[in-house]
C-alpha atoms as a PDB file:
ATOM      1  CA  MET A   1     -16.796   1.811 -17.252  1.00  0.00           C
ATOM      2  CA  TRP A   2     -14.233   2.042 -14.495  1.00  0.00           C
ATOM      3  CA  ARG A   3     -12.571  -1.145 -13.334  1.00  0.00           C
ATOM      4  CA  LEU A   4     -11.158  -1.324  -9.848  1.00  0.00           C
ATOM      5  CA  PRO A   5      -7.649  -2.770  -9.558  1.00  0.00           C
ATOM      6  CA  LYS A   6      -7.628  -6.237  -8.059  1.00  0.00           C
ATOM      7  CA  THR A   7      -4.147  -6.191  -6.595  1.00  0.00           C
ATOM      8  CA  PHE A   8      -3.200  -6.213  -2.951  1.00  0.00           C
ATOM      9  CA  THR A   9      -0.475  -3.680  -3.709  1.00  0.00           C
ATOM     10  CA  PHE A  10      -3.007  -1.080  -4.833  1.00  0.00           C
ATOM     11  CA  TRP A  11      -5.439  -1.592  -1.952  1.00  0.00           C
ATOM     12  CA  LEU A  12      -2.782  -1.737   0.769  1.00  0.00           C
ATOM     13  CA  ALA A  13      -1.099   1.381  -0.610  1.00  0.00           C
ATOM     14  CA  LEU A  14      -4.469   3.153  -0.736  1.00  0.00           C
ATOM     15  CA  LEU A  15      -5.162   2.136   2.860  1.00  0.00           C
ATOM     16  CA  SER A  16      -1.730   3.457   3.834  1.00  0.00           C
ATOM     17  CA  VAL A  17      -2.428   6.782   2.140  1.00  0.00           C
ATOM     18  CA  PHE A  18      -5.735   7.030   4.034  1.00  0.00           C
ATOM     19  CA  VAL A  19      -4.015   6.302   7.363  1.00  0.00           C
ATOM     20  CA  CYS A  20      -1.324   8.910   6.628  1.00  0.00           C
ATOM     21  CA  ALA A  21      -3.964  11.470   5.593  1.00  0.00           C
ATOM     22  CA  HIS A  22      -5.936  10.728   8.762  1.00  0.00           C
ATOM     23  CA  ASN A  23      -2.806  11.411  10.794  1.00  0.00           C
ATOM     24  CA  LEU A  24      -1.845  14.481   8.787  1.00  0.00           C
ATOM     25  CA  LEU A  25      -5.288  16.041   9.267  1.00  0.00           C
ATOM     26  CA  GLY A  26      -4.853  15.764  13.036  1.00  0.00           C
ATOM     27  CA  TYR A  27      -7.413  13.071  13.820  1.00  0.00           C
ATOM     28  CA  ASP A  28      -4.703  10.752  15.168  1.00  0.00           C
ATOM     29  CA  ASP A  29      -3.064  13.117  17.645  1.00  0.00           C
ATOM     30  CA  LYS A  30      -1.072  10.430  19.479  1.00  0.00           C
ATOM     31  CA  ASN A  31      -0.004   8.606  16.270  1.00  0.00           C
ATOM     32  CA  LEU A  32      -1.589   5.363  17.471  1.00  0.00           C
ATOM     33  CA  LEU A  33      -3.254   4.394  14.192  1.00  0.00           C
ATOM     34  CA  LEU A  34      -0.131   5.261  12.219  1.00  0.00           C
ATOM     35  CA  GLY A  35       2.131   3.330  14.575  1.00  0.00           C
ATOM     36  CA  TYR A  36      -0.063   0.278  15.025  1.00  0.00           C
ATOM     37  CA  THR A  37      -0.685  -0.183  11.307  1.00  0.00           C
ATOM     38  CA  SER A  38       2.979  -0.151  10.321  1.00  0.00           C
ATOM     39  CA  PRO A  39       5.221  -3.004  11.480  1.00  0.00           C
ATOM     40  CA  LEU A  40       8.422  -1.099  10.680  1.00  0.00           C
ATOM     41  CA  LEU A  41       7.406   1.925  12.730  1.00  0.00           C
ATOM     42  CA  LEU A  42       6.816  -0.352  15.717  1.00  0.00           C
ATOM     43  CA  TRP A  43       9.956  -2.424  15.287  1.00  0.00           C
ATOM     44  CA  PHE A  44      12.232   0.586  14.854  1.00  0.00           C
ATOM     45  CA  SER A  45      10.499   2.939  17.289  1.00  0.00           C
ATOM     46  CA  SER A  46      13.656   3.544  19.351  1.00  0.00           C
ATOM     47  CA  GLN A  47      15.640   4.454  16.210  1.00  0.00           C
ATOM     48  CA  PHE A  48      12.833   6.777  15.083  1.00  0.00           C
ATOM     49  CA  THR A  49      12.813   8.411  18.519  1.00  0.00           C
ATOM     50  CA  ARG A  50      16.548   9.097  18.264  1.00  0.00           C
ATOM     51  CA  LEU A  51      16.040  10.414  14.736  1.00  0.00           C
ATOM     52  CA  HIS A  52      13.252  12.683  15.947  1.00  0.00           C
ATOM     53  CA  TYR A  53      15.508  14.331  18.524  1.00  0.00           C
ATOM     54  CA  SER A  54      18.363  14.744  16.037  1.00  0.00           C
ATOM     55  CA  LEU A  55      16.290  16.412  13.303  1.00  0.00           C
ATOM     56  CA  GLU A  56      15.679  20.143  13.191  1.00  0.00           C
ATOM     57  CA  SER A  57      12.313  19.891  11.442  1.00  0.00           C
ATOM     58  CA  GLU A  58       9.300  18.015  12.771  1.00  0.00           C
ATOM     59  CA  GLN A  59       7.760  18.070   9.292  1.00  0.00           C
ATOM     60  CA  LEU A  60      10.728  16.143   7.920  1.00  0.00           C
ATOM     61  CA  PHE A  61      10.306  13.579  10.691  1.00  0.00           C
ATOM     62  CA  TYR A  62       6.638  13.052   9.811  1.00  0.00           C
ATOM     63  CA  LEU A  63       7.500  12.843   6.120  1.00  0.00           C
ATOM     64  CA  ILE A  64       9.940  10.029   6.950  1.00  0.00           C
ATOM     65  CA  TRP A  65       7.174   8.293   8.948  1.00  0.00           C
ATOM     66  CA  TYR A  66       4.671   8.598   6.106  1.00  0.00           C
ATOM     67  CA  VAL A  67       7.136   7.351   3.482  1.00  0.00           C
ATOM     68  CA  THR A  68       8.123   4.434   5.730  1.00  0.00           C
ATOM     69  CA  HIS A  69       4.460   3.556   6.256  1.00  0.00           C
ATOM     70  CA  LEU A  70       3.664   3.686   2.541  1.00  0.00           C
ATOM     71  CA  VAL A  71       6.755   1.748   1.460  1.00  0.00           C
ATOM     72  CA  THR A  72       6.076  -0.922   4.082  1.00  0.00           C
ATOM     73  CA  TRP A  73       2.583  -1.575   2.771  1.00  0.00           C
ATOM     74  CA  LEU A  74       3.712  -1.372  -0.853  1.00  0.00           C
ATOM     75  CA  LEU A  75       6.298  -4.077  -0.200  1.00  0.00           C
ATOM     76  CA  ILE A  76       3.821  -6.239   1.720  1.00  0.00           C
ATOM     77  CA  GLY A  77       1.341  -5.877  -1.151  1.00  0.00           C
ATOM     78  CA  LEU A  78       3.977  -6.789  -3.720  1.00  0.00           C
ATOM     79  CA  VAL A  79       4.934  -9.909  -1.774  1.00  0.00           C
ATOM     80  CA  ILE A  80       1.281 -10.973  -1.472  1.00  0.00           C
ATOM     81  CA  ASP A  81       0.652 -10.303  -5.179  1.00  0.00           C
ATOM     82  CA  TRP A  82       3.776 -12.254  -6.090  1.00  0.00           C
ATOM     83  CA  GLY A  83       2.603 -15.187  -3.947  1.00  0.00           C
ATOM     84  CA  VAL A  84      -0.884 -15.114  -5.442  1.00  0.00           C
ATOM     85  CA  SER A  85       0.500 -15.044  -8.993  1.00  0.00           C
ATOM     86  CA  ARG A  86       2.765 -18.013  -8.233  1.00  0.00           C
ATOM     87  CA  ILE A  87      -0.151 -19.981  -6.809  1.00  0.00           C
ATOM     88  CA  LYS A  88      -2.318 -19.172  -9.839  1.00  0.00           C
ATOM     89  CA  ARG A  89       0.521 -20.096 -12.213  1.00  0.00           C
ATOM     90  CA  ASN A  90       1.085 -23.435 -10.466  1.00  0.00           C
ATOM     91  CA  LYS A  91      -2.630 -24.316 -10.609  1.00  0.00           C
ATOM     92  CA  SER A  92      -2.868 -23.806 -14.360  1.00  0.00           C
END
C-alpha cells in the first residue's frame, strides 16, 4: 500500500512543480500565478528584469525562474518541517 509523505517539504515542492508546469504549458501567459506564488520572484523582480534583458536565451531565463520558484518552496518546507520536528521533540 502506498503511503503519502507527510512533510511540508514534499507537498510544497510538489505544488511548486505544478505551478511551474502550469506556466510551462502556457496556461499562465502573464506569469501571474508563478510570480504571486514565489516570494523571491516578487522581491527580486527588478533584478530578474535586468537579467532577462541581459540573457540571450528566453528559455534560460524561464529555467532560472522555475529553479528559483522550486528552491524557494523547498527551503520554506524545510524550515516548516524543522519547526514542526522541534515542537514535537519538545512535547515528548
